[in-house]
């Protein structure tokens, strides 16, 4: 396994987030700012995540659940 693959799947020692979770959180924060602080619909977040990372809806939901983020449809 190369280093990139390693960092995608294993948590960082600094905060326990994987690279994928860090990207999801960044996109969530960016989208929330654009919406004036309102909640971000999961479908909107999923569309933005797909622009950066190839993942299924179920994978995104697992990452959100692991980070304690409640999704909306």
N, C-alpha and C. Protein backbone atom coordinates (compact mmCIF):
# COMPACT_ATOMS: atom_id res chain seq x y z
N UNK A 1 0.85 -1.18 0.00
CA UNK A 1 0.00 0.00 0.00
C UNK A 1 0.89 1.24 0.00
N UNK A 2 0.59 2.18 -0.89
CA UNK A 2 1.37 3.41 -0.94
C UNK A 2 0.93 4.36 0.18
N UNK A 3 1.67 5.42 0.38
CA UNK A 3 1.38 6.36 1.46
C UNK A 3 0.03 7.03 1.29
N UNK A 4 -0.34 7.39 0.04
CA UNK A 4 -1.63 8.04 -0.19
C UNK A 4 -2.77 7.11 0.22
N UNK A 5 -2.70 5.86 -0.18
CA UNK A 5 -3.72 4.89 0.22
C UNK A 5 -3.77 4.71 1.72
N UNK A 6 -2.64 4.75 2.36
CA UNK A 6 -2.56 4.62 3.81
C UNK A 6 -3.28 5.78 4.49
N UNK A 7 -3.01 7.00 4.05
CA UNK A 7 -3.62 8.17 4.71
C UNK A 7 -5.10 8.30 4.40
N UNK A 8 -5.57 7.66 3.33
CA UNK A 8 -6.99 7.71 3.00
C UNK A 8 -7.82 6.89 3.99
N UNK A 9 -7.23 5.82 4.53
CA UNK A 9 -8.01 4.86 5.29
C UNK A 9 -7.70 4.79 6.78
N UNK A 10 -6.57 5.33 7.20
CA UNK A 10 -6.20 5.26 8.60
C UNK A 10 -6.23 6.65 9.24
N UNK A 11 -6.72 6.73 10.46
CA UNK A 11 -6.83 8.03 11.13
C UNK A 11 -5.47 8.68 11.40
N UNK A 12 -5.45 9.98 11.33
CA UNK A 12 -4.28 10.77 11.65
C UNK A 12 -4.15 10.82 13.17
N UNK A 13 -2.95 10.77 13.68
CA UNK A 13 -2.75 10.77 15.13
C UNK A 13 -3.12 12.10 15.77
N UNK A 14 -3.13 13.18 15.01
CA UNK A 14 -3.42 14.49 15.58
C UNK A 14 -4.87 14.63 16.01
N UNK A 15 -5.81 14.15 15.18
CA UNK A 15 -7.22 14.36 15.50
C UNK A 15 -8.09 13.14 15.23
N UNK A 16 -7.53 12.07 14.74
CA UNK A 16 -8.29 10.85 14.52
C UNK A 16 -9.10 10.83 13.24
N UNK A 17 -8.93 11.83 12.38
CA UNK A 17 -9.67 11.89 11.13
C UNK A 17 -8.85 11.29 9.99
N UNK A 18 -9.53 10.62 9.08
CA UNK A 18 -8.88 10.15 7.87
C UNK A 18 -8.86 11.30 6.86
N UNK A 19 -8.10 11.15 5.81
CA UNK A 19 -8.05 12.17 4.76
C UNK A 19 -9.45 12.40 4.18
N UNK A 20 -10.19 11.32 3.96
CA UNK A 20 -11.54 11.43 3.41
C UNK A 20 -12.45 12.21 4.35
N UNK A 21 -12.41 11.92 5.64
CA UNK A 21 -13.24 12.63 6.60
C UNK A 21 -12.86 14.11 6.67
N UNK A 22 -11.58 14.39 6.56
CA UNK A 22 -11.13 15.78 6.57
C UNK A 22 -11.69 16.54 5.37
N UNK A 23 -11.71 15.90 4.20
CA UNK A 23 -12.26 16.52 2.99
C UNK A 23 -13.76 16.75 3.16
N UNK A 24 -14.47 15.76 3.69
CA UNK A 24 -15.92 15.89 3.90
C UNK A 24 -16.21 17.05 4.84
N UNK A 25 -15.47 17.14 5.94
CA UNK A 25 -15.68 18.24 6.89
C UNK A 25 -15.40 19.60 6.26
N UNK A 26 -14.35 19.68 5.46
CA UNK A 26 -14.01 20.93 4.79
C UNK A 26 -15.14 21.35 3.85
N UNK A 27 -15.63 20.41 3.06
CA UNK A 27 -16.70 20.72 2.12
C UNK A 27 -18.00 21.07 2.85
N UNK A 28 -18.25 20.41 3.96
CA UNK A 28 -19.43 20.73 4.77
C UNK A 28 -19.34 22.16 5.30
N UNK A 29 -18.19 22.53 5.82
CA UNK A 29 -18.00 23.88 6.36
C UNK A 29 -18.13 24.92 5.25
N UNK A 30 -17.52 24.66 4.11
CA UNK A 30 -17.57 25.60 2.99
C UNK A 30 -19.01 25.79 2.50
N UNK A 31 -19.75 24.71 2.38
CA UNK A 31 -21.14 24.79 1.92
C UNK A 31 -22.01 25.50 2.94
N UNK A 32 -21.78 25.22 4.21
CA UNK A 32 -22.56 25.86 5.27
C UNK A 32 -22.34 27.37 5.26
N UNK A 33 -21.13 27.80 5.01
CA UNK A 33 -20.85 29.24 4.89
C UNK A 33 -21.62 29.86 3.74
N UNK A 34 -21.63 29.15 2.60
CA UNK A 34 -22.35 29.65 1.42
C UNK A 34 -23.85 29.76 1.67
N UNK A 35 -24.38 28.91 2.54
CA UNK A 35 -25.80 28.92 2.86
C UNK A 35 -26.13 29.84 4.04
N UNK A 36 -25.18 30.63 4.45
CA UNK A 36 -25.41 31.58 5.53
C UNK A 36 -25.54 30.92 6.89
N UNK A 37 -24.86 29.80 7.10
CA UNK A 37 -24.88 29.14 8.39
C UNK A 37 -26.00 28.13 8.56
N UNK A 38 -26.84 27.98 7.56
CA UNK A 38 -27.94 27.01 7.65
C UNK A 38 -27.42 25.59 7.50
N UNK A 39 -28.26 24.64 7.86
CA UNK A 39 -27.90 23.23 7.69
C UNK A 39 -27.74 22.89 6.22
N UNK A 40 -26.84 21.97 5.94
CA UNK A 40 -26.55 21.55 4.57
C UNK A 40 -27.27 20.23 4.30
N UNK A 41 -28.14 20.19 3.29
CA UNK A 41 -28.77 18.91 2.94
C UNK A 41 -27.72 17.88 2.52
N UNK A 42 -27.93 16.66 2.94
CA UNK A 42 -26.97 15.60 2.63
C UNK A 42 -26.77 15.44 1.14
N UNK A 43 -27.85 15.57 0.37
CA UNK A 43 -27.75 15.43 -1.09
C UNK A 43 -26.83 16.49 -1.68
N UNK A 44 -26.91 17.70 -1.17
CA UNK A 44 -26.04 18.78 -1.65
C UNK A 44 -24.59 18.49 -1.29
N UNK A 45 -24.37 18.05 -0.06
CA UNK A 45 -23.01 17.71 0.37
C UNK A 45 -22.47 16.56 -0.47
N UNK A 46 -23.29 15.55 -0.72
CA UNK A 46 -22.86 14.40 -1.51
C UNK A 46 -22.42 14.83 -2.91
N UNK A 47 -23.17 15.73 -3.53
CA UNK A 47 -22.79 16.22 -4.85
C UNK A 47 -21.43 16.89 -4.84
N UNK A 48 -21.17 17.67 -3.82
CA UNK A 48 -19.88 18.35 -3.73
C UNK A 48 -18.74 17.39 -3.41
N UNK A 49 -19.03 16.40 -2.59
CA UNK A 49 -18.01 15.40 -2.26
C UNK A 49 -17.64 14.62 -3.52
N UNK A 50 -18.62 14.28 -4.35
CA UNK A 50 -18.36 13.53 -5.58
C UNK A 50 -17.45 14.29 -6.55
N UNK A 51 -17.43 15.60 -6.45
CA UNK A 51 -16.53 16.38 -7.31
C UNK A 51 -15.07 16.17 -6.93
N UNK A 52 -14.84 15.70 -5.70
CA UNK A 52 -13.47 15.55 -5.20
C UNK A 52 -13.09 14.08 -5.01
N UNK A 53 -14.01 13.29 -4.48
CA UNK A 53 -13.74 11.90 -4.13
C UNK A 53 -14.84 11.02 -4.71
N UNK A 54 -14.45 9.86 -5.22
CA UNK A 54 -15.43 8.90 -5.71
C UNK A 54 -15.86 8.01 -4.56
N UNK A 55 -17.13 8.15 -4.12
CA UNK A 55 -17.65 7.32 -3.04
C UNK A 55 -19.16 7.18 -3.19
N UNK A 56 -19.69 6.14 -2.60
CA UNK A 56 -21.13 5.91 -2.67
C UNK A 56 -21.83 6.74 -1.59
N UNK A 57 -23.15 6.83 -1.71
CA UNK A 57 -23.92 7.54 -0.69
C UNK A 57 -23.77 6.85 0.66
N UNK A 58 -23.75 5.52 0.64
CA UNK A 58 -23.61 4.76 1.89
C UNK A 58 -22.26 5.04 2.56
N UNK A 59 -21.21 5.17 1.76
CA UNK A 59 -19.89 5.48 2.33
C UNK A 59 -19.90 6.86 2.97
N UNK A 60 -20.51 7.83 2.29
CA UNK A 60 -20.58 9.18 2.86
C UNK A 60 -21.35 9.13 4.18
N UNK A 61 -22.46 8.41 4.20
CA UNK A 61 -23.26 8.33 5.41
C UNK A 61 -22.47 7.68 6.54
N UNK A 62 -21.67 6.66 6.24
CA UNK A 62 -20.83 6.03 7.27
C UNK A 62 -19.82 7.02 7.85
N UNK A 63 -19.23 7.83 6.97
CA UNK A 63 -18.27 8.83 7.44
C UNK A 63 -18.98 9.87 8.31
N UNK A 64 -20.14 10.32 7.89
CA UNK A 64 -20.89 11.31 8.68
C UNK A 64 -21.29 10.72 10.02
N UNK A 65 -21.75 9.47 10.03
CA UNK A 65 -22.12 8.82 11.29
C UNK A 65 -20.91 8.70 12.21
N UNK A 66 -19.76 8.31 11.66
CA UNK A 66 -18.55 8.14 12.48
C UNK A 66 -18.14 9.47 13.12
N UNK A 67 -18.37 10.57 12.39
CA UNK A 67 -17.97 11.88 12.91
C UNK A 67 -19.08 12.51 13.75
N UNK A 68 -20.22 11.83 13.87
CA UNK A 68 -21.31 12.35 14.70
C UNK A 68 -22.11 13.44 14.03
N UNK A 69 -22.12 13.47 12.72
CA UNK A 69 -22.87 14.49 11.98
C UNK A 69 -24.18 13.88 11.55
N UNK A 70 -25.28 14.51 11.96
CA UNK A 70 -26.59 14.01 11.58
C UNK A 70 -26.95 14.56 10.22
N UNK A 71 -27.34 13.66 9.33
CA UNK A 71 -27.68 14.04 7.97
C UNK A 71 -29.16 14.31 7.82
N UNK A 72 -29.48 15.02 6.75
CA UNK A 72 -30.87 15.25 6.37
C UNK A 72 -31.00 14.89 4.92
N UNK A 73 -32.17 14.51 4.50
CA UNK A 73 -32.39 14.10 3.12
C UNK A 73 -32.57 15.28 2.20
